[in-house]
Amino acid sequence: MEGKSICDIGCGTGVFVDYYYKKRVRQVIGLDIAPVSIQHLRGLFPTFNFCVVDVSKEPIRHVDKVDVVNAFDIFYHITENDLFEYALNNTSGILKAGGIAFMTDVFGRKDSSPARHVRFRGWQTWNKALAKNNLHVLDIAPIYYLMNRVFAPPFLLNKISQLLYRLDRALSERSLSNGMNIKLLLARKE
């Protein structure tokens, strides 16, 4: 990662920004829809560039092409298909030829909406959208099993979060898939 340029779409609290900072990347561009996140990250990482942008509704401006786009837990929160396609086009548009995109979803057999603010897109939808944007899949691997589930009241989840995290790690290390767990897709821009 050292010397690479990164765009973190949905940079939020800066978990990935901090990771990339420690890996000595050359540049991080953080994009988020929440002005409070952007303001906070500008204070923490003054040498990086942070912008308030909704990638599903507005173009990403004043950004040079990057080596890596990081878009964890973003696309399935874009529930309208036309906005999803716009966001994926935006993502591909800022990626250098040969660059890598990290994106997450279920990538299941069909589209599903388990909540009003979530639309998991099936592999057929993703495959068509990726091809349209010159993104070639390198790998898909499961990453979340329990951490993205609602099966207990929030106060209890907070108390057992470390246990859930450890169980999630153990399941991920075995690359088990139950079909509805969140997966990480790695794609290269052609």
N, C-alpha and C. Protein backbone atom coordinates (compact mmCIF):
# COMPACT_ATOMS: atom_id res chain seq x y z
N MET A 1 0.81 -1.20 0.00
CA MET A 1 0.00 0.00 0.00
C MET A 1 0.86 1.27 0.00
N GLU A 2 2.07 1.16 0.46
CA GLU A 2 2.92 2.35 0.56
C GLU A 2 3.03 3.04 -0.80
N GLY A 3 2.81 4.36 -0.79
CA GLY A 3 2.93 5.16 -2.01
C GLY A 3 1.69 5.19 -2.88
N LYS A 4 0.66 4.45 -2.53
CA LYS A 4 -0.56 4.39 -3.34
C LYS A 4 -1.49 5.55 -3.01
N SER A 5 -2.40 5.83 -3.94
CA SER A 5 -3.45 6.82 -3.70
C SER A 5 -4.76 6.06 -3.51
N ILE A 6 -5.52 6.49 -2.50
CA ILE A 6 -6.73 5.78 -2.08
C ILE A 6 -7.91 6.74 -2.07
N CYS A 7 -9.07 6.26 -2.49
CA CYS A 7 -10.32 6.98 -2.25
C CYS A 7 -11.18 6.11 -1.36
N ASP A 8 -11.51 6.63 -0.17
CA ASP A 8 -12.35 5.91 0.79
C ASP A 8 -13.75 6.49 0.71
N ILE A 9 -14.62 5.79 0.00
CA ILE A 9 -16.01 6.23 -0.15
C ILE A 9 -16.78 5.78 1.08
N GLY A 10 -17.41 6.73 1.75
CA GLY A 10 -18.08 6.44 3.00
C GLY A 10 -17.07 6.34 4.13
N CYS A 11 -16.17 7.30 4.20
CA CYS A 11 -15.05 7.24 5.16
C CYS A 11 -15.51 7.32 6.62
N GLY A 12 -16.70 7.83 6.89
CA GLY A 12 -17.29 7.79 8.23
C GLY A 12 -16.38 8.26 9.34
N THR A 13 -16.10 7.39 10.29
CA THR A 13 -15.28 7.75 11.46
C THR A 13 -13.78 7.66 11.18
N GLY A 14 -13.41 7.14 10.03
CA GLY A 14 -12.00 7.12 9.65
C GLY A 14 -11.26 5.84 9.95
N VAL A 15 -11.96 4.75 10.17
CA VAL A 15 -11.30 3.48 10.47
C VAL A 15 -10.32 3.10 9.35
N PHE A 16 -10.79 3.17 8.11
CA PHE A 16 -9.92 2.81 6.99
C PHE A 16 -8.89 3.90 6.70
N VAL A 17 -9.26 5.15 6.91
CA VAL A 17 -8.31 6.25 6.71
C VAL A 17 -7.11 6.03 7.63
N ASP A 18 -7.36 5.71 8.88
CA ASP A 18 -6.28 5.45 9.83
C ASP A 18 -5.44 4.25 9.39
N TYR A 19 -6.10 3.20 8.92
CA TYR A 19 -5.38 2.02 8.43
C TYR A 19 -4.45 2.42 7.28
N TYR A 20 -4.97 3.17 6.32
CA TYR A 20 -4.14 3.57 5.17
C TYR A 20 -3.03 4.54 5.59
N TYR A 21 -3.31 5.40 6.54
CA TYR A 21 -2.29 6.31 7.07
C TYR A 21 -1.12 5.51 7.63
N LYS A 22 -1.42 4.48 8.40
CA LYS A 22 -0.38 3.64 9.00
C LYS A 22 0.38 2.83 7.95
N LYS A 23 -0.24 2.60 6.80
CA LYS A 23 0.42 1.87 5.71
C LYS A 23 1.21 2.81 4.81
N ARG A 24 1.28 4.09 5.18
CA ARG A 24 2.08 5.10 4.48
C ARG A 24 1.67 5.29 3.02
N VAL A 25 0.38 5.36 2.81
CA VAL A 25 -0.08 5.65 1.46
C VAL A 25 0.29 7.09 1.12
N ARG A 26 0.34 7.39 -0.16
CA ARG A 26 0.72 8.73 -0.60
C ARG A 26 -0.42 9.71 -0.38
N GLN A 27 -1.65 9.25 -0.63
CA GLN A 27 -2.79 10.16 -0.58
C GLN A 27 -4.04 9.38 -0.22
N VAL A 28 -4.90 9.99 0.61
CA VAL A 28 -6.24 9.48 0.86
C VAL A 28 -7.22 10.59 0.56
N ILE A 29 -8.23 10.24 -0.21
CA ILE A 29 -9.36 11.13 -0.45
C ILE A 29 -10.54 10.47 0.23
N GLY A 30 -11.08 11.11 1.24
CA GLY A 30 -12.22 10.57 1.97
C GLY A 30 -13.50 11.26 1.55
N LEU A 31 -14.49 10.47 1.19
CA LEU A 31 -15.78 11.00 0.77
C LEU A 31 -16.87 10.46 1.69
N ASP A 32 -17.77 11.33 2.13
CA ASP A 32 -18.87 10.90 2.98
C ASP A 32 -20.02 11.89 2.83
N ILE A 33 -21.23 11.43 3.13
CA ILE A 33 -22.39 12.32 3.05
C ILE A 33 -22.59 13.12 4.34
N ALA A 34 -21.85 12.78 5.39
CA ALA A 34 -22.02 13.43 6.69
C ALA A 34 -20.96 14.51 6.90
N PRO A 35 -21.37 15.78 6.89
CA PRO A 35 -20.39 16.87 7.10
C PRO A 35 -19.62 16.75 8.41
N VAL A 36 -20.25 16.23 9.46
CA VAL A 36 -19.57 16.11 10.75
C VAL A 36 -18.39 15.12 10.65
N SER A 37 -18.56 14.06 9.89
CA SER A 37 -17.46 13.10 9.69
C SER A 37 -16.29 13.76 8.95
N ILE A 38 -16.62 14.48 7.90
CA ILE A 38 -15.59 15.12 7.09
C ILE A 38 -14.83 16.16 7.92
N GLN A 39 -15.54 16.96 8.68
CA GLN A 39 -14.91 17.98 9.51
C GLN A 39 -13.97 17.32 10.54
N HIS A 40 -14.44 16.26 11.18
CA HIS A 40 -13.64 15.55 12.17
C HIS A 40 -12.36 14.97 11.55
N LEU A 41 -12.49 14.33 10.40
CA LEU A 41 -11.34 13.70 9.76
C LEU A 41 -10.34 14.73 9.24
N ARG A 42 -10.82 15.88 8.82
CA ARG A 42 -9.90 16.94 8.39
C ARG A 42 -8.99 17.35 9.55
N GLY A 43 -9.53 17.36 10.76
CA GLY A 43 -8.73 17.69 11.94
C GLY A 43 -7.72 16.61 12.29
N LEU A 44 -8.12 15.35 12.11
CA LEU A 44 -7.24 14.23 12.45
C LEU A 44 -6.15 13.98 11.42
N PHE A 45 -6.47 14.19 10.16
CA PHE A 45 -5.54 13.88 9.06
C PHE A 45 -5.43 15.09 8.12
N PRO A 46 -4.74 16.15 8.55
CA PRO A 46 -4.72 17.39 7.77
C PRO A 46 -4.03 17.28 6.42
N THR A 47 -3.22 16.25 6.20
CA THR A 47 -2.54 16.12 4.91
C THR A 47 -3.40 15.39 3.87
N PHE A 48 -4.51 14.82 4.29
CA PHE A 48 -5.40 14.13 3.36
C PHE A 48 -6.56 15.04 2.96
N ASN A 49 -7.25 14.65 1.92
CA ASN A 49 -8.33 15.47 1.36
C ASN A 49 -9.68 14.81 1.67
N PHE A 50 -10.58 15.55 2.28
CA PHE A 50 -11.91 15.04 2.63
C PHE A 50 -12.99 15.94 2.06
N CYS A 51 -14.02 15.32 1.48
CA CYS A 51 -15.10 16.08 0.84
C CYS A 51 -16.46 15.49 1.20
N VAL A 52 -17.43 16.37 1.37
CA VAL A 52 -18.82 15.94 1.54
C VAL A 52 -19.37 15.69 0.14
N VAL A 53 -19.68 14.43 -0.14
CA VAL A 53 -20.19 14.03 -1.45
C VAL A 53 -21.15 12.86 -1.27
N ASP A 54 -22.25 12.91 -1.98
CA ASP A 54 -23.14 11.75 -2.10
C ASP A 54 -22.83 11.13 -3.46
N VAL A 55 -22.03 10.07 -3.47
CA VAL A 55 -21.57 9.48 -4.74
C VAL A 55 -22.70 8.91 -5.58
N SER A 56 -23.87 8.75 -4.97
CA SER A 56 -25.01 8.22 -5.74
C SER A 56 -25.81 9.33 -6.43
N LYS A 57 -25.47 10.60 -6.14
CA LYS A 57 -26.26 11.70 -6.69
C LYS A 57 -25.47 12.82 -7.32
N GLU A 58 -24.17 12.87 -7.06
CA GLU A 58 -23.38 13.97 -7.60
C GLU A 58 -22.01 13.46 -8.05
N PRO A 59 -21.45 14.10 -9.06
CA PRO A 59 -20.14 13.64 -9.54
C PRO A 59 -19.05 13.89 -8.52
N ILE A 60 -18.03 13.07 -8.57
CA ILE A 60 -16.85 13.27 -7.73
C ILE A 60 -15.94 14.21 -8.52
N ARG A 61 -15.77 15.41 -8.00
CA ARG A 61 -15.01 16.44 -8.72
C ARG A 61 -13.65 16.66 -8.06
N HIS A 62 -12.74 17.22 -8.84
CA HIS A 62 -11.44 17.66 -8.33
C HIS A 62 -10.67 16.52 -7.66
N VAL A 63 -10.82 15.32 -8.20
CA VAL A 63 -10.12 14.16 -7.66
C VAL A 63 -9.34 13.52 -8.80
N ASP A 64 -8.03 13.40 -8.60
CA ASP A 64 -7.22 12.68 -9.58
C ASP A 64 -7.57 11.20 -9.51
N LYS A 65 -7.28 10.48 -10.55
CA LYS A 65 -7.53 9.04 -10.55
C LYS A 65 -6.67 8.39 -9.47
N VAL A 66 -7.23 7.37 -8.82
CA VAL A 66 -6.57 6.72 -7.68
C VAL A 66 -6.25 5.26 -7.99
N ASP A 67 -5.34 4.70 -7.17
CA ASP A 67 -4.95 3.30 -7.31
C ASP A 67 -5.97 2.35 -6.70
N VAL A 68 -6.62 2.80 -5.61
CA VAL A 68 -7.54 1.94 -4.86
C VAL A 68 -8.78 2.74 -4.47
N VAL A 69 -9.95 2.11 -4.65
CA VAL A 69 -11.19 2.66 -4.10
C VAL A 69 -11.69 1.68 -3.05
N ASN A 70 -11.94 2.22 -1.86
CA ASN A 70 -12.44 1.45 -0.74
C ASN A 70 -13.90 1.86 -0.52
N ALA A 71 -14.84 0.95 -0.71
CA ALA A 71 -16.27 1.27 -0.54
C ALA A 71 -16.94 0.16 0.26
N PHE A 72 -16.59 0.12 1.55
CA PHE A 72 -17.16 -0.89 2.45
C PHE A 72 -18.53 -0.45 2.93
N ASP A 73 -19.49 -1.35 2.85
CA ASP A 73 -20.83 -1.14 3.41
C ASP A 73 -21.49 0.13 2.88
N ILE A 74 -21.30 0.40 1.60
CA ILE A 74 -21.87 1.60 0.96
C ILE A 74 -22.98 1.24 -0.01
N PHE A 75 -22.69 0.38 -0.96
CA PHE A 75 -23.61 0.16 -2.07
C PHE A 75 -24.95 -0.43 -1.65
N TYR A 76 -24.99 -1.28 -0.63
CA TYR A 76 -26.27 -1.84 -0.24
C TYR A 76 -27.13 -0.86 0.55
N HIS A 77 -26.58 0.29 0.89
CA HIS A 77 -27.39 1.35 1.51
C HIS A 77 -27.95 2.31 0.45
N ILE A 78 -27.59 2.11 -0.79
CA ILE A 78 -28.16 2.87 -1.91
C ILE A 78 -29.28 2.01 -2.46
N THR A 79 -30.50 2.30 -2.07
CA THR A 79 -31.62 1.39 -2.34
C THR A 79 -32.22 1.53 -3.74
N GLU A 80 -32.05 2.65 -4.38
CA GLU A 80 -32.62 2.83 -5.72
C GLU A 80 -31.60 2.39 -6.77
N ASN A 81 -32.06 1.58 -7.73
CA ASN A 81 -31.14 1.00 -8.72
C ASN A 81 -30.43 2.04 -9.58
N ASP A 82 -31.13 3.10 -9.99
CA ASP A 82 -30.47 4.11 -10.82
C ASP A 82 -29.37 4.84 -10.04
N LEU A 83 -29.59 5.06 -8.75
CA LEU A 83 -28.57 5.71 -7.92
C LEU A 83 -27.40 4.76 -7.66
N PHE A 84 -27.69 3.47 -7.51
CA PHE A 84 -26.65 2.45 -7.37
C PHE A 84 -25.75 2.46 -8.61
N GLU A 85 -26.36 2.47 -9.78
CA GLU A 85 -25.59 2.47 -11.03
C GLU A 85 -24.76 3.74 -11.17
N TYR A 86 -25.32 4.87 -10.77
CA TYR A 86 -24.59 6.13 -10.81
C TYR A 86 -23.38 6.07 -9.88
N ALA A 87 -23.58 5.56 -8.67
CA ALA A 87 -22.49 5.46 -7.69
C ALA A 87 -21.39 4.52 -8.18
N LEU A 88 -21.76 3.41 -8.79
CA LEU A 88 -20.75 2.49 -9.31
C LEU A 88 -19.99 3.12 -10.48
N ASN A 89 -20.69 3.87 -11.32
CA ASN A 89 -20.04 4.60 -12.41
C ASN A 89 -19.07 5.64 -11.85
N ASN A 90 -19.46 6.34 -10.80
CA ASN A 90 -18.59 7.30 -10.12
C ASN A 90 -17.34 6.61 -9.58
N THR A 91 -17.54 5.46 -8.98
CA THR A 91 -16.44 4.69 -8.41
C THR A 91 -15.45 4.29 -9.50
N SER A 92 -15.96 3.74 -10.57
CA SER A 92 -15.11 3.33 -11.68
C SER A 92 -14.41 4.53 -12.31
N GLY A 93 -15.12 5.66 -12.37
CA GLY A 93 -14.58 6.86 -13.00
C GLY A 93 -13.36 7.45 -12.33
N ILE A 94 -13.19 7.24 -11.04
CA ILE A 94 -12.02 7.80 -10.35
C ILE A 94 -10.88 6.79 -10.19
N LEU A 95 -11.10 5.58 -10.68
CA LEU A 95 -10.11 4.52 -10.55
C LEU A 95 -9.20 4.48 -11.78
N LYS A 96 -7.90 4.44 -11.54
CA LYS A 96 -6.94 4.30 -12.65
C LYS A 96 -7.13 2.96 -13.34
N ALA A 97 -6.74 2.87 -14.60
CA ALA A 97 -6.70 1.59 -15.29
C ALA A 97 -5.74 0.68 -14.51
N GLY A 98 -6.18 -0.51 -14.19
CA GLY A 98 -5.39 -1.43 -13.40
C GLY A 98 -5.59 -1.26 -11.90
N GLY A 99 -6.34 -0.23 -11.51
CA GLY A 99 -6.62 0.02 -10.10
C GLY A 99 -7.59 -0.99 -9.53
N ILE A 100 -7.65 -1.06 -8.21
CA ILE A 100 -8.45 -2.06 -7.51
C ILE A 100 -9.57 -1.38 -6.72
N ALA A 101 -10.76 -1.97 -6.77
CA ALA A 101 -11.90 -1.50 -5.98
C ALA A 101 -12.27 -2.60 -4.98
N PHE A 102 -12.50 -2.20 -3.73
CA PHE A 102 -13.00 -3.07 -2.68
C PHE A 102 -14.44 -2.67 -2.40
N MET A 103 -15.39 -3.59 -2.57
CA MET A 103 -16.81 -3.29 -2.36
C MET A 103 -17.46 -4.45 -1.63
N THR A 104 -18.50 -4.16 -0.85
CA THR A 104 -19.16 -5.21 -0.09
C THR A 104 -20.65 -5.28 -0.40
N ASP A 105 -21.17 -6.48 -0.33
CA ASP A 105 -22.60 -6.77 -0.50
C ASP A 105 -22.76 -8.27 -0.20
N VAL A 106 -23.97 -8.77 -0.36
CA VAL A 106 -24.22 -10.20 -0.18
C VAL A 106 -23.87 -10.97 -1.45
N PHE A 107 -24.09 -10.36 -2.62
CA PHE A 107 -23.82 -11.01 -3.91
C PHE A 107 -24.53 -12.36 -4.00
N GLY A 108 -25.78 -12.38 -3.58
CA GLY A 108 -26.55 -13.61 -3.55
C GLY A 108 -27.18 -13.96 -4.89
N ARG A 109 -28.16 -14.84 -4.83
CA ARG A 109 -28.83 -15.29 -6.06
C ARG A 109 -29.77 -14.24 -6.64
N LYS A 110 -30.35 -13.43 -5.74
CA LYS A 110 -31.29 -12.41 -6.21
C LYS A 110 -31.22 -11.18 -5.31
N ASP A 111 -31.81 -10.10 -5.78
CA ASP A 111 -31.88 -8.88 -4.98
C ASP A 111 -32.83 -9.10 -3.81
N SER A 112 -32.52 -8.44 -2.68
CA SER A 112 -33.41 -8.53 -1.52
C SER A 112 -33.29 -7.26 -0.70
N SER A 113 -34.35 -6.96 0.04
CA SER A 113 -34.37 -5.77 0.90
C SER A 113 -34.82 -6.17 2.30
N PRO A 114 -33.90 -6.53 3.19
CA PRO A 114 -34.28 -6.94 4.54
C PRO A 114 -34.72 -5.76 5.43
N ALA A 115 -34.44 -4.52 4.99
CA ALA A 115 -34.85 -3.33 5.73
C ALA A 115 -35.04 -2.20 4.72
N ARG A 116 -35.76 -1.16 5.14
CA ARG A 116 -36.04 -0.05 4.22
C ARG A 116 -34.78 0.63 3.70
N HIS A 117 -33.75 0.66 4.50
CA HIS A 117 -32.51 1.35 4.13
C HIS A 117 -31.45 0.41 3.54
N VAL A 118 -31.84 -0.82 3.23
CA VAL A 118 -30.88 -1.81 2.70
C VAL A 118 -31.46 -2.49 1.47
N ARG A 119 -30.64 -2.57 0.44
CA ARG A 119 -30.98 -3.35 -0.75
C ARG A 119 -29.75 -4.14 -1.16
N PHE A 120 -29.77 -5.43 -0.80
CA PHE A 120 -28.71 -6.32 -1.25
C PHE A 120 -28.99 -6.67 -2.70
N ARG A 121 -27.97 -6.54 -3.53
CA ARG A 121 -28.14 -6.85 -4.94
C ARG A 121 -27.53 -8.22 -5.23
N GLY A 122 -28.26 -8.97 -6.01
CA GLY A 122 -27.81 -10.30 -6.39
C GLY A 122 -26.65 -10.24 -7.37
N TRP A 123 -26.01 -11.39 -7.54
CA TRP A 123 -24.84 -11.45 -8.40
C TRP A 123 -25.15 -11.03 -9.82
N GLN A 124 -26.32 -11.35 -10.33
CA GLN A 124 -26.68 -10.98 -11.71
C GLN A 124 -26.69 -9.45 -11.87
N THR A 125 -27.26 -8.75 -10.91
CA THR A 125 -27.29 -7.28 -10.95
C THR A 125 -25.87 -6.72 -10.88
N TRP A 126 -25.08 -7.23 -9.96
CA TRP A 126 -23.70 -6.77 -9.83
C TRP A 126 -22.88 -7.06 -11.07
N ASN A 127 -22.98 -8.27 -11.58
CA ASN A 127 -22.18 -8.68 -12.72
C ASN A 127 -22.43 -7.75 -13.92
N LYS A 128 -23.68 -7.45 -14.18
CA LYS A 128 -24.03 -6.56 -15.29
C LYS A 128 -23.47 -5.15 -15.06
N ALA A 129 -23.63 -4.63 -13.84
CA ALA A 129 -23.16 -3.27 -13.52
C ALA A 129 -21.63 -3.19 -13.56
N LEU A 130 -20.95 -4.21 -13.08
CA LEU A 130 -19.49 -4.21 -13.10
C LEU A 130 -18.97 -4.23 -14.53
N ALA A 131 -19.55 -5.08 -15.37
CA ALA A 131 -19.12 -5.16 -16.77
C ALA A 131 -19.33 -3.82 -17.49
N LYS A 132 -20.45 -3.19 -17.22
CA LYS A 132 -20.77 -1.89 -17.83
C LYS A 132 -19.73 -0.83 -17.44
N ASN A 133 -19.09 -1.00 -16.29
CA ASN A 133 -18.11 -0.03 -15.80
C ASN A 133 -16.67 -0.50 -15.90
N ASN A 134 -16.44 -1.50 -16.74
CA ASN A 134 -15.08 -2.02 -16.99
C ASN A 134 -14.37 -2.48 -15.73
N LEU A 135 -15.12 -3.11 -14.83
CA LEU A 135 -14.55 -3.67 -13.60
C LEU A 135 -14.59 -5.18 -13.69
N HIS A 136 -13.43 -5.80 -13.56
CA HIS A 136 -13.28 -7.25 -13.67
C HIS A 136 -13.08 -7.85 -12.28
N VAL A 137 -13.90 -8.81 -11.91
CA VAL A 137 -13.84 -9.42 -10.58
C VAL A 137 -12.58 -10.27 -10.43
N LEU A 138 -11.84 -9.99 -9.36
CA LEU A 138 -10.66 -10.79 -9.02
C LEU A 138 -10.98 -11.84 -7.98
N ASP A 139 -11.84 -11.47 -7.00
CA ASP A 139 -12.17 -12.40 -5.92
C ASP A 139 -13.39 -11.90 -5.17
N ILE A 140 -14.10 -12.84 -4.56
CA ILE A 140 -15.19 -12.53 -3.64
C ILE A 140 -14.97 -13.43 -2.42
N ALA A 141 -14.92 -12.82 -1.24
CA ALA A 141 -14.67 -13.59 -0.01
C ALA A 141 -15.61 -13.14 1.09
N PRO A 142 -16.13 -14.08 1.88
CA PRO A 142 -17.00 -13.70 3.01
C PRO A 142 -16.22 -12.94 4.07
N ILE A 143 -16.86 -11.90 4.65
CA ILE A 143 -16.19 -11.14 5.71
C ILE A 143 -17.02 -10.96 6.96
N TYR A 144 -18.35 -10.83 6.86
CA TYR A 144 -19.19 -10.67 8.05
C TYR A 144 -20.18 -11.82 8.11
N TYR A 145 -20.36 -12.35 9.29
CA TYR A 145 -21.34 -13.40 9.51
C TYR A 145 -22.37 -12.92 10.53
N LEU A 146 -21.89 -12.60 11.72
CA LEU A 146 -22.78 -12.23 12.81
C LEU A 146 -22.86 -10.73 13.04
N MET A 147 -21.84 -10.00 12.65
CA MET A 147 -21.77 -8.58 12.97
C MET A 147 -22.84 -7.76 12.26
N ASN A 148 -23.44 -8.27 11.24
CA ASN A 148 -24.43 -7.53 10.47
C ASN A 148 -25.83 -8.07 10.70
N ARG A 149 -26.07 -8.72 11.80
CA ARG A 149 -27.36 -9.33 12.10
C ARG A 149 -28.03 -8.65 13.28
N VAL A 150 -29.34 -8.65 13.25
CA VAL A 150 -30.11 -8.15 14.39
C VAL A 150 -30.81 -9.34 15.01
N PHE A 151 -30.29 -9.81 16.13
CA PHE A 151 -30.90 -10.96 16.79
C PHE A 151 -30.98 -10.77 18.30
N ALA A 152 -30.69 -9.55 18.76
CA ALA A 152 -30.78 -9.24 20.19
C ALA A 152 -30.99 -7.73 20.34
N PRO A 153 -31.51 -7.29 21.47
CA PRO A 153 -31.67 -5.84 21.69
C PRO A 153 -30.31 -5.14 21.68
N PRO A 154 -30.27 -3.86 21.24
CA PRO A 154 -28.99 -3.15 21.14
C PRO A 154 -28.17 -3.14 22.42
N PHE A 155 -28.80 -3.00 23.59
CA PHE A 155 -28.01 -2.98 24.83
C PHE A 155 -27.28 -4.30 25.04
N LEU A 156 -27.88 -5.41 24.62
CA LEU A 156 -27.23 -6.71 24.74
C LEU A 156 -26.13 -6.87 23.69
N LEU A 157 -26.38 -6.40 22.47
CA LEU A 157 -25.36 -6.48 21.42
C LEU A 157 -24.09 -5.75 21.83
N ASN A 158 -24.25 -4.59 22.49
CA ASN A 158 -23.08 -3.85 22.95
C ASN A 158 -22.27 -4.66 23.96
N LYS A 159 -22.95 -5.41 24.79
CA LYS A 159 -22.25 -6.20 25.82
C LYS A 159 -21.54 -7.42 25.22
N ILE A 160 -22.06 -7.96 24.14
CA ILE A 160 -21.47 -9.17 23.56
C ILE A 160 -20.73 -8.90 22.25
N SER A 161 -20.48 -7.64 21.93
CA SER A 161 -19.87 -7.31 20.64
C SER A 161 -18.51 -7.95 20.45
N GLN A 162 -17.70 -8.02 21.49
CA GLN A 162 -16.37 -8.65 21.37
C GLN A 162 -16.49 -10.14 21.07
N LEU A 163 -17.46 -10.79 21.69
CA LEU A 163 -17.69 -12.20 21.42
C LEU A 163 -18.12 -12.40 19.97
N LEU A 164 -19.05 -11.56 19.49
CA LEU A 164 -19.50 -11.65 18.10
C LEU A 164 -18.34 -11.43 17.14
N TYR A 165 -17.50 -10.46 17.48
CA TYR A 165 -16.34 -10.18 16.63
C TYR A 165 -15.42 -11.41 16.54
N ARG A 166 -15.14 -12.03 17.67
CA ARG A 166 -14.27 -13.22 17.68
C ARG A 166 -14.88 -14.37 16.88
N LEU A 167 -16.19 -14.57 17.05
CA LEU A 167 -16.87 -15.62 16.28
C LEU A 167 -16.83 -15.30 14.79
N ASP A 168 -17.05 -14.03 14.45
CA ASP A 168 -16.98 -13.60 13.06
C ASP A 168 -15.62 -13.90 12.46
N ARG A 169 -14.56 -13.57 13.20
CA ARG A 169 -13.20 -13.83 12.72
C ARG A 169 -12.96 -15.32 12.49
N ALA A 170 -13.43 -16.13 13.43
CA ALA A 170 -13.24 -17.58 13.31
C ALA A 170 -13.96 -18.12 12.07
N LEU A 171 -15.17 -17.67 11.83
CA LEU A 171 -15.92 -18.10 10.65
C LEU A 171 -15.26 -17.60 9.37
N SER A 172 -14.77 -16.37 9.38
CA SER A 172 -14.12 -15.80 8.20
C SER A 172 -12.85 -16.56 7.84
N GLU A 173 -12.09 -16.94 8.85
CA GLU A 173 -10.84 -17.68 8.62
C GLU A 173 -11.11 -19.03 7.96
N ARG A 174 -12.31 -19.56 8.14
CA ARG A 174 -12.67 -20.84 7.52
C ARG A 174 -13.36 -20.65 6.18
N SER A 175 -13.56 -19.37 5.76
CA SER A 175 -14.19 -19.03 4.48
C SER A 175 -15.52 -19.73 4.29
N LEU A 176 -16.27 -19.85 5.35
CA LEU A 176 -17.60 -20.46 5.26
C LEU A 176 -18.59 -19.42 4.77
N SER A 177 -19.58 -19.86 4.03
CA SER A 177 -20.59 -18.93 3.53
C SER A 177 -21.96 -19.52 3.74
N ASN A 178 -22.85 -18.72 4.31
CA ASN A 178 -24.22 -19.20 4.48
C ASN A 178 -25.15 -18.60 3.42
N GLY A 179 -24.58 -17.90 2.44
CA GLY A 179 -25.36 -17.32 1.37
C GLY A 179 -25.85 -15.92 1.65
N MET A 180 -26.08 -15.57 2.91
CA MET A 180 -26.59 -14.24 3.23
C MET A 180 -25.59 -13.41 4.05
N ASN A 181 -24.36 -13.85 4.15
CA ASN A 181 -23.37 -13.06 4.86
C ASN A 181 -22.77 -12.01 3.91
N ILE A 182 -22.23 -10.95 4.49
CA ILE A 182 -21.61 -9.90 3.70
C ILE A 182 -20.28 -10.41 3.16
N LYS A 183 -20.04 -10.10 1.89
CA LYS A 183 -18.81 -10.53 1.24
C LYS A 183 -18.05 -9.33 0.70
N LEU A 184 -16.77 -9.50 0.53
CA LEU A 184 -15.91 -8.50 -0.04
C LEU A 184 -15.60 -8.87 -1.49
N LEU A 185 -15.83 -7.92 -2.38
CA LEU A 185 -15.55 -8.11 -3.79
C LEU A 185 -14.32 -7.27 -4.15
N LEU A 186 -13.35 -7.88 -4.78
CA LEU A 186 -12.19 -7.17 -5.29
C LEU A 186 -12.32 -7.16 -6.80
N ALA A 187 -12.23 -5.96 -7.38
CA ALA A 187 -12.36 -5.82 -8.83
C ALA A 187 -11.25 -4.93 -9.35
N ARG A 188 -10.80 -5.24 -10.56
CA ARG A 188 -9.75 -4.44 -11.21
C ARG A 188 -10.39 -3.67 -12.36
N LYS A 189 -9.99 -2.40 -12.48
CA LYS A 189 -10.46 -1.57 -13.59
C LYS A 189 -9.65 -1.93 -14.84
N GLU A 190 -10.36 -2.28 -15.88
CA GLU A 190 -9.71 -2.65 -17.15
C GLU A 190 -9.40 -1.41 -17.97
